[in-house]
């Protein structure tokens, strides 16, 4: 079934008896869709949206990147805080052991 490209992003076509529609080659190239690729389809307000998985991933990554503030990652900060906390606990534990050893010696002498 022939489709007619009416503008840079507009295409008209017909759905065949099996419910299939042909995506013109120019539009597939523009979208980066190749034969055998999986696509995601969703309907929003009566409009069919067609997107490749690769395009969806890139779009979502871009949205997330806009939400992230520049600088160190929160996970890196958390790991650094936990390591510092573990270091402080180790120092405190060593002090407690040294104090217990000192008390044990004092008790043996007395």
PDB file of N, CA and C in Angstrom:
ATOM      1  N   UNK A   1       0.846  -1.161   0.000  1.00  0.00           N
ATOM      2  CA  UNK A   1       0.000   0.000   0.000  1.00  0.00           C
ATOM      3  C   UNK A   1       0.901   1.236   0.000  1.00  0.00           C
ATOM      4  N   UNK A   2       0.827   2.113  -0.956  1.00  0.00           N
ATOM      5  CA  UNK A   2       1.715   3.264  -1.019  1.00  0.00           C
ATOM      6  C   UNK A   2       1.382   4.293   0.059  1.00  0.00           C
ATOM      7  N   UNK A   3       2.434   4.897   0.598  1.00  0.00           N
ATOM      8  CA  UNK A   3       2.288   5.980   1.563  1.00  0.00           C
ATOM      9  C   UNK A   3       2.823   7.244   0.923  1.00  0.00           C
ATOM     10  N   UNK A   4       2.299   8.362   1.329  1.00  0.00           N
ATOM     11  CA  UNK A   4       2.711   9.638   0.759  1.00  0.00           C
ATOM     12  C   UNK A   4       3.343  10.476   1.856  1.00  0.00           C
ATOM     13  N   UNK A   5       4.606  10.881   1.650  1.00  0.00           N
ATOM     14  CA  UNK A   5       5.274  11.753   2.613  1.00  0.00           C
ATOM     15  C   UNK A   5       4.792  13.167   2.336  1.00  0.00           C
ATOM     16  N   UNK A   6       4.142  13.784   3.344  1.00  0.00           N
ATOM     17  CA  UNK A   6       3.559  15.112   3.140  1.00  0.00           C
ATOM     18  C   UNK A   6       4.387  16.223   3.770  1.00  0.00           C
ATOM     19  N   UNK A   7       5.446  15.901   4.451  1.00  0.00           N
ATOM     20  CA  UNK A   7       6.304  16.895   5.102  1.00  0.00           C
ATOM     21  C   UNK A   7       7.465  16.188   5.749  1.00  0.00           C
ATOM     22  N   UNK A   8       8.274  16.934   6.450  1.00  0.00           N
ATOM     23  CA  UNK A   8       9.459  16.345   7.056  1.00  0.00           C
ATOM     24  C   UNK A   8       9.102  15.213   8.011  1.00  0.00           C
ATOM     25  N   UNK A   9       8.039  15.378   8.776  1.00  0.00           N
ATOM     26  CA  UNK A   9       7.674  14.368   9.765  1.00  0.00           C
ATOM     27  C   UNK A   9       6.288  13.783   9.548  1.00  0.00           C
ATOM     28  N   UNK A  10       5.570  14.215   8.561  1.00  0.00           N
ATOM     29  CA  UNK A  10       4.197  13.760   8.356  1.00  0.00           C
ATOM     30  C   UNK A  10       4.135  12.752   7.222  1.00  0.00           C
ATOM     31  N   UNK A  11       3.424  11.662   7.474  1.00  0.00           N
ATOM     32  CA  UNK A  11       3.259  10.610   6.475  1.00  0.00           C
ATOM     33  C   UNK A  11       1.806  10.156   6.530  1.00  0.00           C
ATOM     34  N   UNK A  12       1.212   9.967   5.384  1.00  0.00           N
ATOM     35  CA  UNK A  12      -0.128   9.386   5.370  1.00  0.00           C
ATOM     36  C   UNK A  12      -0.040   8.018   4.717  1.00  0.00           C
ATOM     37  N   UNK A  13      -0.895   7.129   5.107  1.00  0.00           N
ATOM     38  CA  UNK A  13      -0.897   5.770   4.570  1.00  0.00           C
ATOM     39  C   UNK A  13      -2.223   5.107   4.894  1.00  0.00           C
ATOM     40  N   UNK A  14      -2.291   3.828   4.604  1.00  0.00           N
ATOM     41  CA  UNK A  14      -3.512   3.061   4.862  1.00  0.00           C
ATOM     42  C   UNK A  14      -3.149   1.801   5.627  1.00  0.00           C
ATOM     43  N   UNK A  15      -4.076   1.388   6.454  1.00  0.00           N
ATOM     44  CA  UNK A  15      -3.916   0.132   7.181  1.00  0.00           C
ATOM     45  C   UNK A  15      -4.557  -0.948   6.317  1.00  0.00           C
ATOM     46  N   UNK A  16      -3.816  -2.055   6.103  1.00  0.00           N
ATOM     47  CA  UNK A  16      -4.356  -3.107   5.242  1.00  0.00           C
ATOM     48  C   UNK A  16      -5.345  -3.985   6.013  1.00  0.00           C
ATOM     49  N   UNK A  17      -5.883  -4.983   5.356  1.00  0.00           N
ATOM     50  CA  UNK A  17      -6.909  -5.842   5.947  1.00  0.00           C
ATOM     51  C   UNK A  17      -6.392  -6.609   7.158  1.00  0.00           C
ATOM     52  N   UNK A  18      -5.089  -6.840   7.234  1.00  0.00           N
ATOM     53  CA  UNK A  18      -4.503  -7.553   8.381  1.00  0.00           C
ATOM     54  C   UNK A  18      -4.152  -6.606   9.531  1.00  0.00           C
ATOM     55  N   UNK A  19      -4.440  -5.318   9.389  1.00  0.00           N
ATOM     56  CA  UNK A  19      -4.139  -4.347  10.427  1.00  0.00           C
ATOM     57  C   UNK A  19      -2.710  -3.847  10.378  1.00  0.00           C
ATOM     58  N   UNK A  20      -2.037  -4.065   9.274  1.00  0.00           N
ATOM     59  CA  UNK A  20      -0.637  -3.645   9.131  1.00  0.00           C
ATOM     60  C   UNK A  20      -0.538  -2.319   8.408  1.00  0.00           C
ATOM     61  N   UNK A  21       0.529  -1.611   8.740  1.00  0.00           N
ATOM     62  CA  UNK A  21       0.808  -0.343   8.078  1.00  0.00           C
ATOM     63  C   UNK A  21       2.275  -0.356   7.680  1.00  0.00           C
ATOM     64  N   UNK A  22       2.584   0.221   6.551  1.00  0.00           N
ATOM     65  CA  UNK A  22       3.960   0.284   6.066  1.00  0.00           C
ATOM     66  C   UNK A  22       4.569   1.608   6.518  1.00  0.00           C
ATOM     67  N   UNK A  23       5.774   1.506   7.102  1.00  0.00           N
ATOM     68  CA  UNK A  23       6.516   2.722   7.462  1.00  0.00           C
ATOM     69  C   UNK A  23       7.466   2.990   6.304  1.00  0.00           C
ATOM     70  N   UNK A  24       7.333   4.115   5.619  1.00  0.00           N
ATOM     71  CA  UNK A  24       8.184   4.394   4.460  1.00  0.00           C
ATOM     72  C   UNK A  24       9.668   4.377   4.832  1.00  0.00           C
ATOM     73  N   UNK A  25      10.494   3.968   3.870  1.00  0.00           N
ATOM     74  CA  UNK A  25      11.935   3.835   4.080  1.00  0.00           C
ATOM     75  C   UNK A  25      12.563   5.132   4.587  1.00  0.00           C
ATOM     76  N   UNK A  26      12.131   6.266   4.033  1.00  0.00           N
ATOM     77  CA  UNK A  26      12.703   7.551   4.455  1.00  0.00           C
ATOM     78  C   UNK A  26      12.431   7.802   5.929  1.00  0.00           C
ATOM     79  N   UNK A  27      11.250   7.461   6.373  1.00  0.00           N
ATOM     80  CA  UNK A  27      10.898   7.651   7.773  1.00  0.00           C
ATOM     81  C   UNK A  27      11.650   6.655   8.653  1.00  0.00           C
ATOM     82  N   UNK A  28      11.784   5.413   8.196  1.00  0.00           N
ATOM     83  CA  UNK A  28      12.554   4.415   8.956  1.00  0.00           C
ATOM     84  C   UNK A  28      14.000   4.867   9.114  1.00  0.00           C
ATOM     85  N   UNK A  29      14.571   5.413   8.035  1.00  0.00           N
ATOM     86  CA  UNK A  29      15.952   5.917   8.123  1.00  0.00           C
ATOM     87  C   UNK A  29      16.043   7.059   9.121  1.00  0.00           C
ATOM     88  N   UNK A  30      15.092   7.971   9.046  1.00  0.00           N
ATOM     89  CA  UNK A  30      15.070   9.116   9.945  1.00  0.00           C
ATOM     90  C   UNK A  30      14.968   8.667  11.406  1.00  0.00           C
ATOM     91  N   UNK A  31      14.230   7.607  11.656  1.00  0.00           N
ATOM     92  CA  UNK A  31      14.043   7.092  13.012  1.00  0.00           C
ATOM     93  C   UNK A  31      15.156   6.132  13.430  1.00  0.00           C
ATOM     94  N   UNK A  32      15.963   5.693  12.471  1.00  0.00           N
ATOM     95  CA  UNK A  32      17.021   4.727  12.783  1.00  0.00           C
ATOM     96  C   UNK A  32      16.478   3.332  13.014  1.00  0.00           C
ATOM     97  N   UNK A  33      15.375   3.013  12.353  1.00  0.00           N
ATOM     98  CA  UNK A  33      14.750   1.695  12.497  1.00  0.00           C
ATOM     99  C   UNK A  33      15.136   0.842  11.297  1.00  0.00           C
ATOM    100  N   UNK A  34      15.581  -0.382  11.584  1.00  0.00           N
ATOM    101  CA  UNK A  34      15.991  -1.316  10.540  1.00  0.00           C
ATOM    102  C   UNK A  34      15.096  -2.545  10.575  1.00  0.00           C
ATOM    103  N   UNK A  35      15.048  -3.304   9.460  1.00  0.00           N
ATOM    104  CA  UNK A  35      14.241  -4.530   9.453  1.00  0.00           C
ATOM    105  C   UNK A  35      14.647  -5.444  10.602  1.00  0.00           C
ATOM    106  N   UNK A  36      13.670  -5.959  11.318  1.00  0.00           N
ATOM    107  CA  UNK A  36      13.914  -6.861  12.438  1.00  0.00           C
ATOM    108  C   UNK A  36      14.040  -6.160  13.783  1.00  0.00           C
ATOM    109  N   UNK A  37      14.148  -4.832  13.784  1.00  0.00           N
ATOM    110  CA  UNK A  37      14.241  -4.097  15.053  1.00  0.00           C
ATOM    111  C   UNK A  37      12.920  -4.180  15.813  1.00  0.00           C
ATOM    112  N   UNK A  38      13.013  -4.172  17.134  1.00  0.00           N
ATOM    113  CA  UNK A  38      11.817  -4.091  17.978  1.00  0.00           C
ATOM    114  C   UNK A  38      11.469  -2.625  18.151  1.00  0.00           C
ATOM    115  N   UNK A  39      10.200  -2.348  18.219  1.00  0.00           N
ATOM    116  CA  UNK A  39       9.745  -0.978  18.450  1.00  0.00           C
ATOM    117  C   UNK A  39       8.732  -0.989  19.583  1.00  0.00           C
ATOM    118  N   UNK A  40       8.581   0.144  20.205  1.00  0.00           N
ATOM    119  CA  UNK A  40       7.586   0.329  21.252  1.00  0.00           C
ATOM    120  C   UNK A  40       6.462   1.179  20.674  1.00  0.00           C
ATOM    121  N   UNK A  41       5.240   0.773  20.955  1.00  0.00           N
ATOM    122  CA  UNK A  41       4.089   1.523  20.471  1.00  0.00           C
ATOM    123  C   UNK A  41       3.205   1.855  21.658  1.00  0.00           C
ATOM    124  N   UNK A  42       2.731   3.089  21.689  1.00  0.00           N
ATOM    125  CA  UNK A  42       1.804   3.483  22.736  1.00  0.00           C
ATOM    126  C   UNK A  42       0.833   4.504  22.164  1.00  0.00           C
ATOM    127  N   UNK A  43      -0.337   4.517  22.718  1.00  0.00           N
ATOM    128  CA  UNK A  43      -1.358   5.460  22.288  1.00  0.00           C
ATOM    129  C   UNK A  43      -1.573   6.460  23.407  1.00  0.00           C
ATOM    130  N   UNK A  44      -1.488   7.729  23.056  1.00  0.00           N
ATOM    131  CA  UNK A  44      -1.712   8.797  24.029  1.00  0.00           C
ATOM    132  C   UNK A  44      -2.628   9.820  23.388  1.00  0.00           C
ATOM    133  N   UNK A  45      -3.744  10.044  24.012  1.00  0.00           N
ATOM    134  CA  UNK A  45      -4.748  10.981  23.491  1.00  0.00           C
ATOM    135  C   UNK A  45      -5.107  10.666  22.044  1.00  0.00           C
ATOM    136  N   UNK A  46      -5.238   9.394  21.736  1.00  0.00           N
ATOM    137  CA  UNK A  46      -5.642   8.977  20.401  1.00  0.00           C
ATOM    138  C   UNK A  46      -4.543   9.037  19.357  1.00  0.00           C
ATOM    139  N   UNK A  47      -3.298   9.300  19.783  1.00  0.00           N
ATOM    140  CA  UNK A  47      -2.174   9.395  18.855  1.00  0.00           C
ATOM    141  C   UNK A  47      -1.250   8.203  19.084  1.00  0.00           C
ATOM    142  N   UNK A  48      -0.934   7.479  18.001  1.00  0.00           N
ATOM    143  CA  UNK A  48      -0.021   6.347  18.081  1.00  0.00           C
ATOM    144  C   UNK A  48       1.406   6.863  18.042  1.00  0.00           C
ATOM    145  N   UNK A  49       2.174   6.473  19.033  1.00  0.00           N
ATOM    146  CA  UNK A  49       3.587   6.857  19.102  1.00  0.00           C
ATOM    147  C   UNK A  49       4.406   5.601  18.873  1.00  0.00           C
ATOM    148  N   UNK A  50       5.361   5.695  17.951  1.00  0.00           N
ATOM    149  CA  UNK A  50       6.216   4.566  17.589  1.00  0.00           C
ATOM    150  C   UNK A  50       7.653   4.981  17.859  1.00  0.00           C
ATOM    151  N   UNK A  51       8.382   4.143  18.616  1.00  0.00           N
ATOM    152  CA  UNK A  51       9.734   4.501  19.011  1.00  0.00           C
ATOM    153  C   UNK A  51      10.582   3.239  19.095  1.00  0.00           C
ATOM    154  N   UNK A  52      11.823   3.320  18.637  1.00  0.00           N
ATOM    155  CA  UNK A  52      12.720   2.168  18.759  1.00  0.00           C
ATOM    156  C   UNK A  52      13.175   2.056  20.207  1.00  0.00           C
ATOM    157  N   UNK A  53      13.575   0.854  20.604  1.00  0.00           N
ATOM    158  CA  UNK A  53      14.085   0.663  21.968  1.00  0.00           C
ATOM    159  C   UNK A  53      15.306   1.557  22.201  1.00  0.00           C
ATOM    160  N   UNK A  54      16.188   1.603  21.219  1.00  0.00           N
ATOM    161  CA  UNK A  54      17.408   2.410  21.333  1.00  0.00           C
ATOM    162  C   UNK A  54      17.052   3.886  21.555  1.00  0.00           C
ATOM    163  N   UNK A  55      16.082   4.372  20.793  1.00  0.00           N
ATOM    164  CA  UNK A  55      15.657   5.757  20.924  1.00  0.00           C
ATOM    165  C   UNK A  55      15.046   6.013  22.300  1.00  0.00           C
ATOM    166  N   UNK A  56      14.250   5.075  22.784  1.00  0.00           N
ATOM    167  CA  UNK A  56      13.622   5.227  24.111  1.00  0.00           C
ATOM    168  C   UNK A  56      14.686   5.293  25.193  1.00  0.00           C
ATOM    169  N   UNK A  57      15.678   4.413  25.120  1.00  0.00           N
ATOM    170  CA  UNK A  57      16.759   4.398  26.115  1.00  0.00           C
ATOM    171  C   UNK A  57      17.511   5.721  26.095  1.00  0.00           C
ATOM    172  N   UNK A  58      17.855   6.197  24.909  1.00  0.00           N
ATOM    173  CA  UNK A  58      18.587   7.464  24.794  1.00  0.00           C
ATOM    174  C   UNK A  58      17.761   8.632  25.331  1.00  0.00           C
ATOM    175  N   UNK A  59      16.477   8.615  25.047  1.00  0.00           N
ATOM    176  CA  UNK A  59      15.603   9.692  25.515  1.00  0.00           C
ATOM    177  C   UNK A  59      15.513   9.689  27.037  1.00  0.00           C
ATOM    178  N   UNK A  60      15.339   8.516  27.623  1.00  0.00           N
ATOM    179  CA  UNK A  60      15.237   8.415  29.077  1.00  0.00           C
ATOM    180  C   UNK A  60      16.566   8.789  29.736  1.00  0.00           C
ATOM    181  N   UNK A  61      17.684   8.350  29.153  1.00  0.00           N
ATOM    182  CA  UNK A  61      18.988   8.728  29.694  1.00  0.00           C
ATOM    183  C   UNK A  61      19.155  10.249  29.687  1.00  0.00           C
ATOM    184  N   UNK A  62      18.693  10.900  28.623  1.00  0.00           N
ATOM    185  CA  UNK A  62      18.765  12.358  28.543  1.00  0.00           C
ATOM    186  C   UNK A  62      17.905  13.023  29.608  1.00  0.00           C
ATOM    187  N   UNK A  63      16.705  12.475  29.846  1.00  0.00           N
ATOM    188  CA  UNK A  63      15.823  13.027  30.872  1.00  0.00           C
ATOM    189  C   UNK A  63      16.448  12.884  32.254  1.00  0.00           C
ATOM    190  N   UNK A  64      17.033  11.739  32.516  1.00  0.00           N
ATOM    191  CA  UNK A  64      17.667  11.503  33.819  1.00  0.00           C
ATOM    192  C   UNK A  64      18.883  12.408  33.985  1.00  0.00           C
ATOM    193  N   UNK A  65      19.659  12.574  32.920  1.00  0.00           N
ATOM    194  CA  UNK A  65      20.858  13.420  32.996  1.00  0.00           C
ATOM    195  C   UNK A  65      20.488  14.855  33.366  1.00  0.00           C
ATOM    196  N   UNK A  66      19.352  15.336  32.895  1.00  0.00           N
ATOM    197  CA  UNK A  66      18.925  16.697  33.238  1.00  0.00           C
ATOM    198  C   UNK A  66      18.558  16.814  34.714  1.00  0.00           C
ATOM    199  N   UNK A  67      18.152  15.712  35.320  1.00  0.00           N
ATOM    200  CA  UNK A  67      17.759  15.726  36.736  1.00  0.00           C
ATOM    201  C   UNK A  67      18.949  15.605  37.677  1.00  0.00           C
ATOM    202  N   UNK A  68      20.062  15.104  37.180  1.00  0.00           N
ATOM    203  CA  UNK A  68      21.238  14.885  38.026  1.00  0.00           C
ATOM    204  C   UNK A  68      22.068  16.149  38.102  1.00  0.00           C
ATOM    205  N   UNK A  69      22.443  16.494  39.318  1.00  0.00           N
ATOM    206  CA  UNK A  69      23.300  17.666  39.468  1.00  0.00           C
ATOM    207  C   UNK A  69      24.736  17.266  39.179  1.00  0.00           C
ATOM    208  N   UNK A  70      25.529  18.179  38.638  1.00  0.00           N
ATOM    209  CA  UNK A  70      26.918  17.849  38.337  1.00  0.00           C
ATOM    210  C   UNK A  70      27.712  17.634  39.617  1.00  0.00           C
ATOM    211  N   UNK A  71      28.787  16.905  39.501  1.00  0.00           N
ATOM    212  CA  UNK A  71      29.635  16.634  40.658  1.00  0.00           C
ATOM    213  C   UNK A  71      29.625  15.155  40.989  1.00  0.00           C
ATOM    214  N   UNK A  72      30.104  14.830  42.172  1.00  0.00           N
ATOM    215  CA  UNK A  72      30.182  13.413  42.538  1.00  0.00           C
ATOM    216  C   UNK A  72      28.790  12.793  42.658  1.00  0.00           C
ATOM    217  N   UNK A  73      28.727  11.531  42.373  1.00  0.00           N
ATOM    218  CA  UNK A  73      27.461  10.819  42.483  1.00  0.00           C
ATOM    219  C   UNK A  73      27.096  10.632  43.946  1.00  0.00           C
ATOM    220  N   UNK A  74      25.819  10.616  44.230  1.00  0.00           N
ATOM    221  CA  UNK A  74      25.357  10.402  45.600  1.00  0.00           C
ATOM    222  C   UNK A  74      25.852   9.057  46.123  1.00  0.00           C
ATOM    223  N   UNK A  75      25.903   8.059  45.256  1.00  0.00           N
ATOM    224  CA  UNK A  75      26.385   6.740  45.685  1.00  0.00           C
ATOM    225  C   UNK A  75      27.854   6.798  46.086  1.00  0.00           C
ATOM    226  N   UNK A  76      28.659   7.579  45.355  1.00  0.00           N
ATOM    227  CA  UNK A  76      30.070   7.715  45.713  1.00  0.00           C
ATOM    228  C   UNK A  76      30.216   8.428  47.055  1.00  0.00           C
ATOM    229  N   UNK A  77      29.407   9.449  47.293  1.00  0.00           N
ATOM    230  CA  UNK A  77      29.444  10.156  48.570  1.00  0.00           C
ATOM    231  C   UNK A  77      29.045   9.229  49.712  1.00  0.00           C
ATOM    232  N   UNK A  78      28.020   8.411  49.492  1.00  0.00           N
ATOM    233  CA  UNK A  78      27.559   7.481  50.508  1.00  0.00           C
ATOM    234  C   UNK A  78      28.648   6.460  50.842  1.00  0.00           C
ATOM    235  N   UNK A  79      29.292   5.923  49.818  1.00  0.00           N
ATOM    236  CA  UNK A  79      30.366   4.949  50.037  1.00  0.00           C
ATOM    237  C   UNK A  79      31.503   5.593  50.829  1.00  0.00           C
ATOM    238  N   UNK A  80      31.878   6.816  50.467  1.00  0.00           N
ATOM    239  CA  UNK A  80      32.953   7.514  51.185  1.00  0.00           C
ATOM    240  C   UNK A  80      32.564   7.736  52.648  1.00  0.00           C
ATOM    241  N   UNK A  81      31.318   8.123  52.897  1.00  0.00           N
ATOM    242  CA  UNK A  81      30.855   8.326  54.277  1.00  0.00           C
ATOM    243  C   UNK A  81      30.905   7.025  55.065  1.00  0.00           C
ATOM    244  N   UNK A  82      30.472   5.929  54.453  1.00  0.00           N
ATOM    245  CA  UNK A  82      30.474   4.624  55.140  1.00  0.00           C
ATOM    246  C   UNK A  82      31.903   4.167  55.424  1.00  0.00           C
ATOM    247  N   UNK A  83      32.812   4.406  54.501  1.00  0.00           N
ATOM    248  CA  UNK A  83      34.213   4.030  54.729  1.00  0.00           C
ATOM    249  C   UNK A  83      34.815   4.840  55.873  1.00  0.00           C
ATOM    250  N   UNK A  84      34.514   6.131  55.928  1.00  0.00           N
ATOM    251  CA  UNK A  84      35.018   6.981  57.008  1.00  0.00           C
ATOM    252  C   UNK A  84      34.424   6.537  58.343  1.00  0.00           C
ATOM    253  N   UNK A  85      33.144   6.202  58.339  1.00  0.00           N
ATOM    254  CA  UNK A  85      32.494   5.723  59.552  1.00  0.00           C
ATOM    255  C   UNK A  85      33.134   4.412  60.020  1.00  0.00           C
ATOM    256  N   UNK A  86      33.403   3.500  59.087  1.00  0.00           N
ATOM    257  CA  UNK A  86      34.046   2.231  59.435  1.00  0.00           C
ATOM    258  C   UNK A  86      35.450   2.472  59.984  1.00  0.00           C
ATOM    259  N   UNK A  87      36.181   3.440  59.418  1.00  0.00           N
ATOM    260  CA  UNK A  87      37.527   3.766  59.900  1.00  0.00           C
ATOM    261  C   UNK A  87      37.462   4.288  61.333  1.00  0.00           C
ATOM    262  N   UNK A  88      36.506   5.192  61.597  1.00  0.00           N
ATOM    263  CA  UNK A  88      36.352   5.735  62.954  1.00  0.00           C
ATOM    264  C   UNK A  88      35.991   4.635  63.944  1.00  0.00           C
ATOM    265  N   UNK A  89      35.116   3.724  63.540  1.00  0.00           N
ATOM    266  CA  UNK A  89      34.737   2.613  64.417  1.00  0.00           C
ATOM    267  C   UNK A  89      35.938   1.716  64.700  1.00  0.00           C
ATOM    268  N   UNK A  90      36.786   1.488  63.704  1.00  0.00           N
ATOM    269  CA  UNK A  90      37.981   0.667  63.886  1.00  0.00           C
ATOM    270  C   UNK A  90      38.941   1.331  64.868  1.00  0.00           C
ATOM    271  N   UNK A  91      39.122   2.647  64.739  1.00  0.00           N
ATOM    272  CA  UNK A  91      39.992   3.387  65.662  1.00  0.00           C
ATOM    273  C   UNK A  91      39.440   3.287  67.082  1.00  0.00           C
ATOM    274  N   UNK A  92      38.145   3.473  67.241  1.00  0.00           N
ATOM    275  CA  UNK A  92      37.514   3.398  68.554  1.00  0.00           C
ATOM    276  C   UNK A  92      37.647   1.989  69.139  1.00  0.00           C
ATOM    277  N   UNK A  93      37.487   0.984  68.312  1.00  0.00           N
ATOM    278  CA  UNK A  93      37.621  -0.400  68.760  1.00  0.00           C
ATOM    279  C   UNK A  93      39.049  -0.673  69.236  1.00  0.00           C
ATOM    280  N   UNK A  94      40.035  -0.174  68.508  1.00  0.00           N
ATOM    281  CA  UNK A  94      41.434  -0.349  68.906  1.00  0.00           C
ATOM    282  C   UNK A  94      41.707   0.347  70.238  1.00  0.00           C
ATOM    283  N   UNK A  95      41.146   1.541  70.428  1.00  0.00           N
ATOM    284  CA  UNK A  95      41.307   2.245  71.711  1.00  0.00           C
ATOM    285  C   UNK A  95      40.706   1.427  72.851  1.00  0.00           C
ATOM    286  N   UNK A  96      39.509   0.873  72.623  1.00  0.00           N
ATOM    287  CA  UNK A  96      38.845   0.066  73.647  1.00  0.00           C
ATOM    288  C   UNK A  96      39.681  -1.164  73.980  1.00  0.00           C
ATOM    289  N   UNK A  97      40.236  -1.814  72.969  1.00  0.00           N
ATOM    290  CA  UNK A  97      41.078  -2.997  73.204  1.00  0.00           C
ATOM    291  C   UNK A  97      42.332  -2.625  73.997  1.00  0.00           C
ATOM    292  N   UNK A  98      42.930  -1.510  73.633  1.00  0.00           N
ATOM    293  CA  UNK A  98      44.130  -1.060  74.345  1.00  0.00           C
ATOM    294  C   UNK A  98      43.782  -0.739  75.800  1.00  0.00           C
ATOM    295  N   UNK A  99      42.650  -0.100  76.033  1.00  0.00           N
ATOM    296  CA  UNK A  99      42.221   0.221  77.399  1.00  0.00           C
ATOM    297  C   UNK A  99      41.946  -1.051  78.191  1.00  0.00           C
ATOM    298  N   UNK A 100      41.311  -2.036  77.564  1.00  0.00           N
ATOM    299  CA  UNK A 100      41.039  -3.306  78.247  1.00  0.00           C
ATOM    300  C   UNK A 100      42.348  -4.026  78.587  1.00  0.00           C
ATOM    301  N   UNK A 101      43.306  -3.991  77.665  1.00  0.00           N
ATOM    302  CA  UNK A 101      44.604  -4.625  77.915  1.00  0.00           C
ATOM    303  C   UNK A 101      45.318  -3.918  79.059  1.00  0.00           C
ATOM    304  N   UNK A 102      45.263  -2.590  79.095  1.00  0.00           N
ATOM    305  CA  UNK A 102      45.901  -1.832  80.174  1.00  0.00           C
ATOM    306  C   UNK A 102      45.263  -2.167  81.514  1.00  0.00           C
ATOM    307  N   UNK A 103      43.935  -2.245  81.552  1.00  0.00           N
ATOM    308  CA  UNK A 103      43.228  -2.577  82.798  1.00  0.00           C
ATOM    309  C   UNK A 103      43.558  -3.989  83.258  1.00  0.00           C
ATOM    310  N   UNK A 104      43.677  -4.896  82.290  1.00  0.00           N
ATOM    311  CA  UNK A 104      44.010  -6.275  82.638  1.00  0.00           C
ATOM    312  C   UNK A 104      45.389  -6.357  83.306  1.00  0.00           C
ATOM    313  N   UNK A 105      46.360  -5.575  82.801  1.00  0.00           N
ATOM    314  CA  UNK A 105      47.703  -5.540  83.383  1.00  0.00           C
ATOM    315  C   UNK A 105      47.657  -4.942  84.792  1.00  0.00           C
ATOM    316  N   UNK A 106      46.876  -3.858  84.961  1.00  0.00           N
ATOM    317  CA  UNK A 106      46.759  -3.217  86.281  1.00  0.00           C
ATOM    318  C   UNK A 106      46.142  -4.206  87.262  1.00  0.00           C
ATOM    319  N   UNK A 107      45.139  -4.950  86.823  1.00  0.00           N
ATOM    320  CA  UNK A 107      44.481  -5.928  87.714  1.00  0.00           C
ATOM    321  C   UNK A 107      45.441  -7.057  88.081  1.00  0.00           C
ATOM    322  N   UNK A 108      46.318  -7.463  87.153  1.00  0.00           N
ATOM    323  CA  UNK A 108      47.270  -8.549  87.443  1.00  0.00           C
ATOM    324  C   UNK A 108      48.317  -8.071  88.464  1.00  0.00           C
ATOM    325  N   UNK A 109      48.742  -6.818  88.378  1.00  0.00           N
ATOM    326  CA  UNK A 109      49.736  -6.281  89.290  1.00  0.00           C
ATOM    327  C   UNK A 109      49.136  -6.109  90.691  1.00  0.00           C
ATOM    328  N   UNK A 110      47.894  -5.745  90.741  1.00  0.00           N
ATOM    329  CA  UNK A 110      47.268  -5.465  92.036  1.00  0.00           C
ATOM    330  C   UNK A 110      46.883  -6.673  92.802  1.00  0.00           C
TER     331      UNK A 110
END
